[in-house]
C-alpha cells in the first residue's frame, strides 16, 4: 500500500507514523472512495496529528488517478480480508485453548516466559 501511495506521489507516511492507524486508515479509505482533495483528506486527521494539517496537505497533494486508486482499493480489500482471517483464527484459538489450559499454566512457570 505504501508503494502505491508513493507511486501516486502521496507521501502520507512522511507525516503519519502509523499508516494503518486511525487517521491513516480514514485518509486511505477516503482516497479509495474517490476523494483526492488534500485539504479534505487532511481534515480526517485525528488527535495530535491534527497539529500537522499543513504538512498533511502537502503530503497528500499527489497524483491519485484511476489506476492508482484501483491498486489502492485492491490493497485495502486484501488488508480487510487478512484482518478478518486473523480475527477468525483468534476465535478458533480461543475455542481450542481451554483443554490445554494446564499446559499453558505450566509453560508460564518457565523462566523468561510471561
PDB file of N, CA and C in Angstrom:
ATOM      1  N   UNK A   1       0.832  -1.179   0.000  1.00  0.00           N
ATOM      2  CA  UNK A   1       0.000   0.000   0.000  1.00  0.00           C
ATOM      3  C   UNK A   1       0.881   1.249   0.000  1.00  0.00           C
ATOM      4  N   UNK A   2       1.925   1.191   0.788  1.00  0.00           N
ATOM      5  CA  UNK A   2       2.847   2.324   0.885  1.00  0.00           C
ATOM      6  C   UNK A   2       3.452   2.645  -0.486  1.00  0.00           C
ATOM      7  N   UNK A   3       3.848   1.610  -1.210  1.00  0.00           N
ATOM      8  CA  UNK A   3       4.449   1.833  -2.526  1.00  0.00           C
ATOM      9  C   UNK A   3       3.444   2.423  -3.504  1.00  0.00           C
ATOM     10  N   UNK A   4       2.218   1.969  -3.432  1.00  0.00           N
ATOM     11  CA  UNK A   4       1.189   2.510  -4.326  1.00  0.00           C
ATOM     12  C   UNK A   4       0.965   3.990  -4.048  1.00  0.00           C
ATOM     13  N   UNK A   5       0.951   4.348  -2.783  1.00  0.00           N
ATOM     14  CA  UNK A   5       0.803   5.759  -2.436  1.00  0.00           C
ATOM     15  C   UNK A   5       1.997   6.567  -2.945  1.00  0.00           C
ATOM     16  N   UNK A   6       3.186   6.019  -2.767  1.00  0.00           N
ATOM     17  CA  UNK A   6       4.384   6.722  -3.219  1.00  0.00           C
ATOM     18  C   UNK A   6       4.389   6.891  -4.732  1.00  0.00           C
ATOM     19  N   UNK A   7       3.958   5.862  -5.454  1.00  0.00           N
ATOM     20  CA  UNK A   7       3.902   5.965  -6.914  1.00  0.00           C
ATOM     21  C   UNK A   7       2.907   7.025  -7.358  1.00  0.00           C
ATOM     22  N   UNK A   8       1.889   7.242  -6.536  1.00  0.00           N
ATOM     23  CA  UNK A   8       0.911   8.290  -6.819  1.00  0.00           C
ATOM     24  C   UNK A   8       1.382   9.634  -6.258  1.00  0.00           C
ATOM     25  N   UNK A   9       2.623   9.675  -5.813  1.00  0.00           N
ATOM     26  CA  UNK A   9       3.257  10.869  -5.248  1.00  0.00           C
ATOM     27  C   UNK A   9       2.537  11.381  -4.008  1.00  0.00           C
ATOM     28  N   UNK A  10       2.003  10.452  -3.248  1.00  0.00           N
ATOM     29  CA  UNK A  10       1.377  10.774  -1.968  1.00  0.00           C
ATOM     30  C   UNK A  10       2.329  10.288  -0.881  1.00  0.00           C
ATOM     31  N   UNK A  11       2.828  11.210  -0.105  1.00  0.00           N
ATOM     32  CA  UNK A  11       3.854  10.913   0.899  1.00  0.00           C
ATOM     33  C   UNK A  11       3.260  10.871   2.305  1.00  0.00           C
ATOM     34  N   UNK A  12       2.136  10.226   2.442  1.00  0.00           N
ATOM     35  CA  UNK A  12       1.424  10.176   3.718  1.00  0.00           C
ATOM     36  C   UNK A  12       2.305   9.640   4.842  1.00  0.00           C
ATOM     37  N   UNK A  13       3.117   8.645   4.546  1.00  0.00           N
ATOM     38  CA  UNK A  13       3.947   8.046   5.597  1.00  0.00           C
ATOM     39  C   UNK A  13       5.065   8.966   6.072  1.00  0.00           C
ATOM     40  N   UNK A  14       5.277  10.083   5.398  1.00  0.00           N
ATOM     41  CA  UNK A  14       6.281  11.037   5.875  1.00  0.00           C
ATOM     42  C   UNK A  14       5.732  11.887   7.020  1.00  0.00           C
ATOM     43  N   UNK A  15       4.414  11.888   7.182  1.00  0.00           N
ATOM     44  CA  UNK A  15       3.780  12.678   8.242  1.00  0.00           C
ATOM     45  C   UNK A  15       3.097  11.777   9.272  1.00  0.00           C
ATOM     46  N   UNK A  16       2.509  10.697   8.800  1.00  0.00           N
ATOM     47  CA  UNK A  16       1.766   9.778   9.666  1.00  0.00           C
ATOM     48  C   UNK A  16       2.694   8.652  10.104  1.00  0.00           C
ATOM     49  N   UNK A  17       2.854   8.478  11.402  1.00  0.00           N
ATOM     50  CA  UNK A  17       3.770   7.443  11.892  1.00  0.00           C
ATOM     51  C   UNK A  17       3.218   6.035  11.664  1.00  0.00           C
ATOM     52  N   UNK A  18       1.904   5.884  11.740  1.00  0.00           N
ATOM     53  CA  UNK A  18       1.278   4.575  11.533  1.00  0.00           C
ATOM     54  C   UNK A  18       0.284   4.699  10.384  1.00  0.00           C
ATOM     55  N   UNK A  19       0.709   4.271   9.225  1.00  0.00           N
ATOM     56  CA  UNK A  19      -0.118   4.386   8.028  1.00  0.00           C
ATOM     57  C   UNK A  19      -1.470   3.701   8.196  1.00  0.00           C
ATOM     58  N   UNK A  20      -1.508   2.652   9.012  1.00  0.00           N
ATOM     59  CA  UNK A  20      -2.753   1.915   9.218  1.00  0.00           C
ATOM     60  C   UNK A  20      -3.394   2.229  10.567  1.00  0.00           C
ATOM     61  N   UNK A  21      -3.013   3.361  11.138  1.00  0.00           N
ATOM     62  CA  UNK A  21      -3.668   3.835  12.350  1.00  0.00           C
ATOM     63  C   UNK A  21      -5.003   4.474  11.989  1.00  0.00           C
ATOM     64  N   UNK A  22      -5.655   5.053  12.959  1.00  0.00           N
ATOM     65  CA  UNK A  22      -6.990   5.621  12.752  1.00  0.00           C
ATOM     66  C   UNK A  22      -6.985   6.681  11.650  1.00  0.00           C
ATOM     67  N   UNK A  23      -6.077   7.630  11.733  1.00  0.00           N
ATOM     68  CA  UNK A  23      -6.041   8.712  10.746  1.00  0.00           C
ATOM     69  C   UNK A  23      -5.631   8.204   9.371  1.00  0.00           C
ATOM     70  N   UNK A  24      -4.590   7.397   9.332  1.00  0.00           N
ATOM     71  CA  UNK A  24      -4.124   6.867   8.057  1.00  0.00           C
ATOM     72  C   UNK A  24      -5.204   6.067   7.353  1.00  0.00           C
ATOM     73  N   UNK A  25      -5.888   5.224   8.108  1.00  0.00           N
ATOM     74  CA  UNK A  25      -6.970   4.421   7.521  1.00  0.00           C
ATOM     75  C   UNK A  25      -8.091   5.313   6.983  1.00  0.00           C
ATOM     76  N   UNK A  26      -8.442   6.329   7.742  1.00  0.00           N
ATOM     77  CA  UNK A  26      -9.522   7.218   7.303  1.00  0.00           C
ATOM     78  C   UNK A  26      -9.157   7.902   5.992  1.00  0.00           C
ATOM     79  N   UNK A  27      -7.925   8.351   5.896  1.00  0.00           N
ATOM     80  CA  UNK A  27      -7.482   9.042   4.681  1.00  0.00           C
ATOM     81  C   UNK A  27      -7.387   8.078   3.498  1.00  0.00           C
ATOM     82  N   UNK A  28      -6.835   6.907   3.740  1.00  0.00           N
ATOM     83  CA  UNK A  28      -6.704   5.924   2.658  1.00  0.00           C
ATOM     84  C   UNK A  28      -8.080   5.482   2.174  1.00  0.00           C
ATOM     85  N   UNK A  29      -8.988   5.219   3.103  1.00  0.00           N
ATOM     86  CA  UNK A  29     -10.337   4.810   2.703  1.00  0.00           C
ATOM     87  C   UNK A  29     -11.022   5.912   1.900  1.00  0.00           C
ATOM     88  N   UNK A  30     -10.836   7.149   2.307  1.00  0.00           N
ATOM     89  CA  UNK A  30     -11.419   8.264   1.551  1.00  0.00           C
ATOM     90  C   UNK A  30     -10.836   8.315   0.138  1.00  0.00           C
ATOM     91  N   UNK A  31      -9.542   8.064   0.018  1.00  0.00           N
ATOM     92  CA  UNK A  31      -8.921   8.045  -1.314  1.00  0.00           C
ATOM     93  C   UNK A  31      -9.475   6.897  -2.148  1.00  0.00           C
ATOM     94  N   UNK A  32      -9.629   5.737  -1.523  1.00  0.00           N
ATOM     95  CA  UNK A  32     -10.188   4.577  -2.223  1.00  0.00           C
ATOM     96  C   UNK A  32     -11.585   4.908  -2.747  1.00  0.00           C
ATOM     97  N   UNK A  33     -12.334   5.673  -1.958  1.00  0.00           N
ATOM     98  CA  UNK A  33     -13.705   6.024  -2.340  1.00  0.00           C
ATOM     99  C   UNK A  33     -13.770   7.193  -3.320  1.00  0.00           C
ATOM    100  N   UNK A  34     -12.603   7.761  -3.661  1.00  0.00           N
ATOM    101  CA  UNK A  34     -12.598   8.783  -4.699  1.00  0.00           C
ATOM    102  C   UNK A  34     -12.161  10.176  -4.288  1.00  0.00           C
ATOM    103  N   UNK A  35     -11.946  10.403  -3.010  1.00  0.00           N
ATOM    104  CA  UNK A  35     -11.537  11.742  -2.571  1.00  0.00           C
ATOM    105  C   UNK A  35     -10.085  12.000  -2.968  1.00  0.00           C
ATOM    106  N   UNK A  36      -9.827  13.146  -3.560  1.00  0.00           N
ATOM    107  CA  UNK A  36      -8.463  13.499  -3.953  1.00  0.00           C
ATOM    108  C   UNK A  36      -8.024  14.853  -3.404  1.00  0.00           C
ATOM    109  N   UNK A  37      -8.944  15.611  -2.861  1.00  0.00           N
ATOM    110  CA  UNK A  37      -8.625  16.944  -2.360  1.00  0.00           C
ATOM    111  C   UNK A  37      -7.777  16.834  -1.091  1.00  0.00           C
ATOM    112  N   UNK A  38      -6.523  17.311  -1.133  1.00  0.00           N
ATOM    113  CA  UNK A  38      -5.641  17.201   0.032  1.00  0.00           C
ATOM    114  C   UNK A  38      -6.190  17.892   1.278  1.00  0.00           C
ATOM    115  N   UNK A  39      -6.930  18.969   1.090  1.00  0.00           N
ATOM    116  CA  UNK A  39      -7.486  19.677   2.244  1.00  0.00           C
ATOM    117  C   UNK A  39      -8.558  18.838   2.931  1.00  0.00           C
ATOM    118  N   UNK A  40      -9.400  18.207   2.146  1.00  0.00           N
ATOM    119  CA  UNK A  40     -10.452  17.348   2.698  1.00  0.00           C
ATOM    120  C   UNK A  40      -9.818  16.137   3.381  1.00  0.00           C
ATOM    121  N   UNK A  41      -8.839  15.538   2.722  1.00  0.00           N
ATOM    122  CA  UNK A  41      -8.175  14.360   3.285  1.00  0.00           C
ATOM    123  C   UNK A  41      -7.450  14.702   4.589  1.00  0.00           C
ATOM    124  N   UNK A  42      -6.770  15.831   4.612  1.00  0.00           N
ATOM    125  CA  UNK A  42      -6.024  16.233   5.811  1.00  0.00           C
ATOM    126  C   UNK A  42      -6.952  16.453   6.999  1.00  0.00           C
ATOM    127  N   UNK A  43      -8.158  16.901   6.738  1.00  0.00           N
ATOM    128  CA  UNK A  43      -9.113  17.147   7.823  1.00  0.00           C
ATOM    129  C   UNK A  43      -9.579  15.855   8.495  1.00  0.00           C
ATOM    130  N   UNK A  44      -9.251  14.719   7.924  1.00  0.00           N
ATOM    131  CA  UNK A  44      -9.606  13.432   8.534  1.00  0.00           C
ATOM    132  C   UNK A  44      -8.635  13.041   9.647  1.00  0.00           C
ATOM    133  N   UNK A  45      -7.598  13.835   9.825  1.00  0.00           N
ATOM    134  CA  UNK A  45      -6.600  13.557  10.865  1.00  0.00           C
ATOM    135  C   UNK A  45      -7.249  13.589  12.244  1.00  0.00           C
ATOM    136  N   UNK A  46      -6.760  12.732  13.113  1.00  0.00           N
ATOM    137  CA  UNK A  46      -7.274  12.631  14.476  1.00  0.00           C
ATOM    138  C   UNK A  46      -6.189  13.027  15.480  1.00  0.00           C
ATOM    139  N   UNK A  47      -6.610  13.399  16.651  1.00  0.00           N
ATOM    140  CA  UNK A  47      -5.769  13.678  17.817  1.00  0.00           C
ATOM    141  C   UNK A  47      -4.573  14.560  17.501  1.00  0.00           C
ATOM    142  N   UNK A  48      -3.381  14.140  17.931  1.00  0.00           N
ATOM    143  CA  UNK A  48      -2.205  15.006  17.796  1.00  0.00           C
ATOM    144  C   UNK A  48      -1.797  15.230  16.345  1.00  0.00           C
ATOM    145  N   UNK A  49      -2.237  14.370  15.451  1.00  0.00           N
ATOM    146  CA  UNK A  49      -1.926  14.544  14.032  1.00  0.00           C
ATOM    147  C   UNK A  49      -2.606  15.794  13.469  1.00  0.00           C
ATOM    148  N   UNK A  50      -3.639  16.261  14.146  1.00  0.00           N
ATOM    149  CA  UNK A  50      -4.330  17.478  13.700  1.00  0.00           C
ATOM    150  C   UNK A  50      -3.403  18.694  13.755  1.00  0.00           C
ATOM    151  N   UNK A  51      -2.356  18.595  14.532  1.00  0.00           N
ATOM    152  CA  UNK A  51      -1.381  19.680  14.594  1.00  0.00           C
ATOM    153  C   UNK A  51      -0.485  19.737  13.371  1.00  0.00           C
ATOM    154  N   UNK A  52      -0.591  18.743  12.515  1.00  0.00           N
ATOM    155  CA  UNK A  52       0.246  18.672  11.311  1.00  0.00           C
ATOM    156  C   UNK A  52      -0.563  18.855  10.027  1.00  0.00           C
ATOM    157  N   UNK A  53      -1.667  19.556  10.101  1.00  0.00           N
ATOM    158  CA  UNK A  53      -2.542  19.708   8.930  1.00  0.00           C
ATOM    159  C   UNK A  53      -1.792  20.287   7.724  1.00  0.00           C
ATOM    160  N   UNK A  54      -0.993  21.342   7.879  1.00  0.00           N
ATOM    161  CA  UNK A  54      -0.284  21.861   6.694  1.00  0.00           C
ATOM    162  C   UNK A  54       0.651  20.823   6.062  1.00  0.00           C
ATOM    163  N   UNK A  55       1.363  20.066   6.903  1.00  0.00           N
ATOM    164  CA  UNK A  55       2.253  19.023   6.386  1.00  0.00           C
ATOM    165  C   UNK A  55       1.453  17.910   5.712  1.00  0.00           C
ATOM    166  N   UNK A  56       0.310  17.582   6.295  1.00  0.00           N
ATOM    167  CA  UNK A  56      -0.550  16.556   5.703  1.00  0.00           C
ATOM    168  C   UNK A  56      -1.053  16.987   4.329  1.00  0.00           C
ATOM    169  N   UNK A  57      -1.479  18.233   4.234  1.00  0.00           N
ATOM    170  CA  UNK A  57      -1.963  18.724   2.936  1.00  0.00           C
ATOM    171  C   UNK A  57      -0.889  18.573   1.868  1.00  0.00           C
ATOM    172  N   UNK A  58       0.329  18.937   2.226  1.00  0.00           N
ATOM    173  CA  UNK A  58       1.431  18.825   1.263  1.00  0.00           C
ATOM    174  C   UNK A  58       1.701  17.361   0.914  1.00  0.00           C
ATOM    175  N   UNK A  59       1.673  16.496   1.921  1.00  0.00           N
ATOM    176  CA  UNK A  59       1.953  15.075   1.698  1.00  0.00           C
ATOM    177  C   UNK A  59       0.856  14.403   0.872  1.00  0.00           C
ATOM    178  N   UNK A  60      -0.359  14.903   0.984  1.00  0.00           N
ATOM    179  CA  UNK A  60      -1.498  14.305   0.291  1.00  0.00           C
ATOM    180  C   UNK A  60      -1.736  14.900  -1.096  1.00  0.00           C
ATOM    181  N   UNK A  61      -0.922  15.857  -1.462  1.00  0.00           N
ATOM    182  CA  UNK A  61      -1.068  16.509  -2.767  1.00  0.00           C
ATOM    183  C   UNK A  61      -0.285  15.717  -3.805  1.00  0.00           C
ATOM    184  N   UNK A  62      -0.914  14.671  -4.308  1.00  0.00           N
ATOM    185  CA  UNK A  62      -0.242  13.796  -5.262  1.00  0.00           C
ATOM    186  C   UNK A  62      -1.023  13.665  -6.552  1.00  0.00           C
ATOM    187  N   UNK A  63      -0.809  12.553  -7.197  1.00  0.00           N
ATOM    188  CA  UNK A  63      -1.476  12.274  -8.476  1.00  0.00           C
ATOM    189  C   UNK A  63      -2.210  10.942  -8.385  1.00  0.00           C
ATOM    190  N   UNK A  64      -3.248  10.936  -7.615  1.00  0.00           N
ATOM    191  CA  UNK A  64      -4.023   9.713  -7.426  1.00  0.00           C
ATOM    192  C   UNK A  64      -5.034   9.586  -8.563  1.00  0.00           C
ATOM    193  N   UNK A  65      -4.615   8.931  -9.623  1.00  0.00           N
ATOM    194  CA  UNK A  65      -5.512   8.747 -10.762  1.00  0.00           C
ATOM    195  C   UNK A  65      -6.294   7.441 -10.598  1.00  0.00           C
ATOM    196  N   UNK A  66      -7.098   7.114 -11.594  1.00  0.00           N
ATOM    197  CA  UNK A  66      -7.937   5.915 -11.513  1.00  0.00           C
ATOM    198  C   UNK A  66      -7.115   4.641 -11.337  1.00  0.00           C
ATOM    199  N   UNK A  67      -5.981   4.587 -12.004  1.00  0.00           N
ATOM    200  CA  UNK A  67      -5.128   3.396 -11.895  1.00  0.00           C
ATOM    201  C   UNK A  67      -4.647   3.198 -10.459  1.00  0.00           C
ATOM    202  N   UNK A  68      -4.080   4.243  -9.872  1.00  0.00           N
ATOM    203  CA  UNK A  68      -3.572   4.122  -8.507  1.00  0.00           C
ATOM    204  C   UNK A  68      -4.702   3.898  -7.504  1.00  0.00           C
ATOM    205  N   UNK A  69      -5.853   4.491  -7.763  1.00  0.00           N
ATOM    206  CA  UNK A  69      -6.997   4.267  -6.883  1.00  0.00           C
ATOM    207  C   UNK A  69      -7.425   2.801  -6.947  1.00  0.00           C
ATOM    208  N   UNK A  70      -7.411   2.227  -8.147  1.00  0.00           N
ATOM    209  CA  UNK A  70      -7.746   0.812  -8.312  1.00  0.00           C
ATOM    210  C   UNK A  70      -6.776  -0.062  -7.523  1.00  0.00           C
ATOM    211  N   UNK A  71      -5.490   0.202  -7.666  1.00  0.00           N
ATOM    212  CA  UNK A  71      -4.471  -0.584  -6.959  1.00  0.00           C
ATOM    213  C   UNK A  71      -4.619  -0.397  -5.453  1.00  0.00           C
ATOM    214  N   UNK A  72      -4.852   0.826  -5.033  1.00  0.00           N
ATOM    215  CA  UNK A  72      -5.035   1.108  -3.610  1.00  0.00           C
ATOM    216  C   UNK A  72      -6.263   0.371  -3.071  1.00  0.00           C
ATOM    217  N   UNK A  73      -7.330   0.342  -3.854  1.00  0.00           N
ATOM    218  CA  UNK A  73      -8.534  -0.388  -3.438  1.00  0.00           C
ATOM    219  C   UNK A  73      -8.237  -1.883  -3.307  1.00  0.00           C
ATOM    220  N   UNK A  74      -7.440  -2.416  -4.226  1.00  0.00           N
ATOM    221  CA  UNK A  74      -7.061  -3.827  -4.145  1.00  0.00           C
ATOM    222  C   UNK A  74      -6.290  -4.101  -2.852  1.00  0.00           C
ATOM    223  N   UNK A  75      -5.368  -3.222  -2.516  1.00  0.00           N
ATOM    224  CA  UNK A  75      -4.608  -3.369  -1.265  1.00  0.00           C
ATOM    225  C   UNK A  75      -5.537  -3.284  -0.059  1.00  0.00           C
ATOM    226  N   UNK A  76      -6.459  -2.333  -0.103  1.00  0.00           N
ATOM    227  CA  UNK A  76      -7.394  -2.130   1.006  1.00  0.00           C
ATOM    228  C   UNK A  76      -8.244  -3.386   1.223  1.00  0.00           C
ATOM    229  N   UNK A  77      -8.765  -3.937   0.134  1.00  0.00           N
ATOM    230  CA  UNK A  77      -9.603  -5.129   0.244  1.00  0.00           C
ATOM    231  C   UNK A  77      -8.802  -6.326   0.754  1.00  0.00           C
ATOM    232  N   UNK A  78      -7.560  -6.435   0.328  1.00  0.00           N
ATOM    233  CA  UNK A  78      -6.703  -7.509   0.822  1.00  0.00           C
ATOM    234  C   UNK A  78      -6.443  -7.340   2.316  1.00  0.00           C
ATOM    235  N   UNK A  79      -6.168  -6.121   2.727  1.00  0.00           N
ATOM    236  CA  UNK A  79      -5.947  -5.837   4.149  1.00  0.00           C
ATOM    237  C   UNK A  79      -7.174  -6.219   4.971  1.00  0.00           C
ATOM    238  N   UNK A  80      -8.349  -5.837   4.499  1.00  0.00           N
ATOM    239  CA  UNK A  80      -9.578  -6.178   5.221  1.00  0.00           C
ATOM    240  C   UNK A  80      -9.764  -7.689   5.316  1.00  0.00           C
ATOM    241  N   UNK A  81      -9.478  -8.388   4.220  1.00  0.00           N
ATOM    242  CA  UNK A  81      -9.625  -9.837   4.220  1.00  0.00           C
ATOM    243  C   UNK A  81      -8.655 -10.476   5.219  1.00  0.00           C
ATOM    244  N   UNK A  82      -7.418 -10.019   5.214  1.00  0.00           N
ATOM    245  CA  UNK A  82      -6.421 -10.578   6.131  1.00  0.00           C
ATOM    246  C   UNK A  82      -6.784 -10.297   7.582  1.00  0.00           C
ATOM    247  N   UNK A  83      -7.271  -9.099   7.857  1.00  0.00           N
ATOM    248  CA  UNK A  83      -7.680  -8.779   9.225  1.00  0.00           C
ATOM    249  C   UNK A  83      -8.860  -9.643   9.664  1.00  0.00           C
ATOM    250  N   UNK A  84      -9.768  -9.906   8.748  1.00  0.00           N
ATOM    251  CA  UNK A  84     -10.902 -10.777   9.058  1.00  0.00           C
ATOM    252  C   UNK A  84     -10.421 -12.199   9.346  1.00  0.00           C
ATOM    253  N   UNK A  85      -9.472 -12.677   8.556  1.00  0.00           N
ATOM    254  CA  UNK A  85      -8.939 -14.019   8.780  1.00  0.00           C
ATOM    255  C   UNK A  85      -8.211 -14.109  10.119  1.00  0.00           C
ATOM    256  N   UNK A  86      -7.496 -13.071  10.478  1.00  0.00           N
ATOM    257  CA  UNK A  86      -6.806 -13.056  11.770  1.00  0.00           C
ATOM    258  C   UNK A  86      -7.826 -13.142  12.903  1.00  0.00           C
ATOM    259  N   UNK A  87      -8.920 -12.409  12.786  1.00  0.00           N
ATOM    260  CA  UNK A  87      -9.964 -12.467  13.813  1.00  0.00           C
ATOM    261  C   UNK A  87     -10.557 -13.870  13.912  1.00  0.00           C
ATOM    262  N   UNK A  88     -10.788 -14.494  12.767  1.00  0.00           N
ATOM    263  CA  UNK A  88     -11.320 -15.859  12.769  1.00  0.00           C
ATOM    264  C   UNK A  88     -10.336 -16.823  13.421  1.00  0.00           C
ATOM    265  N   UNK A  89      -9.053 -16.657  13.124  1.00  0.00           N
ATOM    266  CA  UNK A  89      -8.034 -17.528  13.712  1.00  0.00           C
ATOM    267  C   UNK A  89      -7.954 -17.330  15.219  1.00  0.00           C
ATOM    268  N   UNK A  90      -8.045 -16.088  15.666  1.00  0.00           N
ATOM    269  CA  UNK A  90      -8.005 -15.821  17.104  1.00  0.00           C
ATOM    270  C   UNK A  90      -9.194 -16.457  17.813  1.00  0.00           C
ATOM    271  N   UNK A  91     -10.363 -16.392  17.197  1.00  0.00           N
ATOM    272  CA  UNK A  91     -11.545 -17.036  17.782  1.00  0.00           C
ATOM    273  C   UNK A  91     -11.358 -18.548  17.857  1.00  0.00           C
ATOM    274  N   UNK A  92     -10.791 -19.112  16.812  1.00  0.00           N
ATOM    275  CA  UNK A  92     -10.557 -20.560  16.786  1.00  0.00           C
ATOM    276  C   UNK A  92      -9.554 -20.963  17.869  1.00  0.00           C
ATOM    277  N   UNK A  93      -8.527 -20.178  18.043  1.00  0.00           N
ATOM    278  CA  UNK A  93      -7.529 -20.459  19.083  1.00  0.00           C
ATOM    279  C   UNK A  93      -8.184 -20.396  20.458  1.00  0.00           C
ATOM    280  N   UNK A  94      -8.984 -19.362  20.691  1.00  0.00           N
ATOM    281  CA  UNK A  94      -9.671 -19.230  21.979  1.00  0.00           C
ATOM    282  C   UNK A  94     -10.600 -20.414  22.232  1.00  0.00           C
ATOM    283  N   UNK A  95     -11.220 -20.897  21.178  1.00  0.00           N
ATOM    284  CA  UNK A  95     -12.139 -22.026  21.308  1.00  0.00           C
ATOM    285  C   UNK A  95     -11.385 -23.315  21.638  1.00  0.00           C
ATOM    286  N   UNK A  96     -10.217 -23.485  21.066  1.00  0.00           N
ATOM    287  CA  UNK A  96      -9.459 -24.726  21.249  1.00  0.00           C
ATOM    288  C   UNK A  96      -8.511 -24.698  22.443  1.00  0.00           C
ATOM    289  N   UNK A  97      -8.270 -23.550  22.999  1.00  0.00           N
ATOM    290  CA  UNK A  97      -7.287 -23.412  24.067  1.00  0.00           C
ATOM    291  C   UNK A  97      -7.708 -24.011  25.415  1.00  0.00           C
ATOM    292  N   UNK A  98      -8.957 -23.928  25.838  1.00  0.00           N
ATOM    293  CA  UNK A  98      -9.306 -24.409  27.182  1.00  0.00           C
ATOM    294  C   UNK A  98      -8.841 -25.822  27.530  1.00  0.00           C
ATOM    295  N   UNK A  99      -8.934 -26.812  26.650  1.00  0.00           N
ATOM    296  CA  UNK A  99      -8.445 -28.141  27.038  1.00  0.00           C
ATOM    297  C   UNK A  99      -6.938 -28.165  27.320  1.00  0.00           C
ATOM    298  N   UNK A 100      -6.225 -27.194  26.829  1.00  0.00           N
ATOM    299  CA  UNK A 100      -4.775 -27.149  27.023  1.00  0.00           C
ATOM    300  C   UNK A 100      -4.371 -26.120  28.081  1.00  0.00           C
ATOM    301  N   UNK A 101      -5.320 -25.664  28.853  1.00  0.00           N
ATOM    302  CA  UNK A 101      -5.044 -24.637  29.859  1.00  0.00           C
ATOM    303  C   UNK A 101      -3.955 -25.081  30.834  1.00  0.00           C
ATOM    304  N   UNK A 102      -3.970 -26.341  31.223  1.00  0.00           N
ATOM    305  CA  UNK A 102      -2.959 -26.837  32.157  1.00  0.00           C
ATOM    306  C   UNK A 102      -1.555 -26.696  31.564  1.00  0.00           C
ATOM    307  N   UNK A 103      -1.429 -26.958  30.266  1.00  0.00           N
ATOM    308  CA  UNK A 103      -0.121 -26.845  29.612  1.00  0.00           C
ATOM    309  C   UNK A 103       0.314 -25.383  29.555  1.00  0.00           C
ATOM    310  N   UNK A 104      -0.631 -24.499  29.313  1.00  0.00           N
ATOM    311  CA  UNK A 104      -0.309 -23.070  29.288  1.00  0.00           C
ATOM    312  C   UNK A 104       0.181 -22.612  30.656  1.00  0.00           C
ATOM    313  N   UNK A 105      -0.488 -23.055  31.700  1.00  0.00           N
ATOM    314  CA  UNK A 105      -0.084 -22.677  33.054  1.00  0.00           C
ATOM    315  C   UNK A 105       1.318 -23.192  33.359  1.00  0.00           C
ATOM    316  N   UNK A 106       1.607 -24.394  32.926  1.00  0.00           N
ATOM    317  CA  UNK A 106       2.931 -24.973  33.136  1.00  0.00           C
ATOM    318  C   UNK A 106       3.996 -24.181  32.378  1.00  0.00           C
ATOM    319  N   UNK A 107       3.699 -23.821  31.148  1.00  0.00           N
ATOM    320  CA  UNK A 107       4.640 -23.029  30.351  1.00  0.00           C
ATOM    321  C   UNK A 107       4.913 -21.678  30.995  1.00  0.00           C
ATOM    322  N   UNK A 108       3.905 -21.104  31.601  1.00  0.00           N
ATOM    323  CA  UNK A 108       4.058 -19.786  32.210  1.00  0.00           C
ATOM    324  C   UNK A 108       5.003 -19.807  33.410  1.00  0.00           C
ATOM    325  N   UNK A 109       5.294 -20.982  33.944  1.00  0.00           N
ATOM    326  CA  UNK A 109       6.218 -21.071  35.080  1.00  0.00           C
ATOM    327  C   UNK A 109       7.672 -21.111  34.622  1.00  0.00           C
ATOM    328  N   UNK A 110       7.907 -21.298  33.334  1.00  0.00           N
ATOM    329  CA  UNK A 110       9.277 -21.361  32.815  1.00  0.00           C
ATOM    330  C   UNK A 110       9.910 -19.970  32.860  1.00  0.00           C
ATOM    331  N   UNK A 111      11.173 -19.891  33.227  1.00  0.00           N
ATOM    332  CA  UNK A 111      11.853 -18.591  33.271  1.00  0.00           C
ATOM    333  C   UNK A 111      11.863 -17.920  31.894  1.00  0.00           C
ATOM    334  N   UNK A 112      11.597 -16.635  31.903  1.00  0.00           N
ATOM    335  CA  UNK A 112      11.635 -15.860  30.661  1.00  0.00           C
ATOM    336  C   UNK A 112      10.340 -15.844  29.880  1.00  0.00           C
ATOM    337  N   UNK A 113       9.331 -16.570  30.330  1.00  0.00           N
ATOM    338  CA  UNK A 113       8.042 -16.592  29.633  1.00  0.00           C
ATOM    339  C   UNK A 113       7.021 -15.871  30.491  1.00  0.00           C
ATOM    340  N   UNK A 114       6.326 -14.955  29.879  1.00  0.00           N
ATOM    341  CA  UNK A 114       5.304 -14.201  30.620  1.00  0.00           C
ATOM    342  C   UNK A 114       3.949 -14.509  30.075  1.00  0.00           C
TER     343      UNK A 114
END
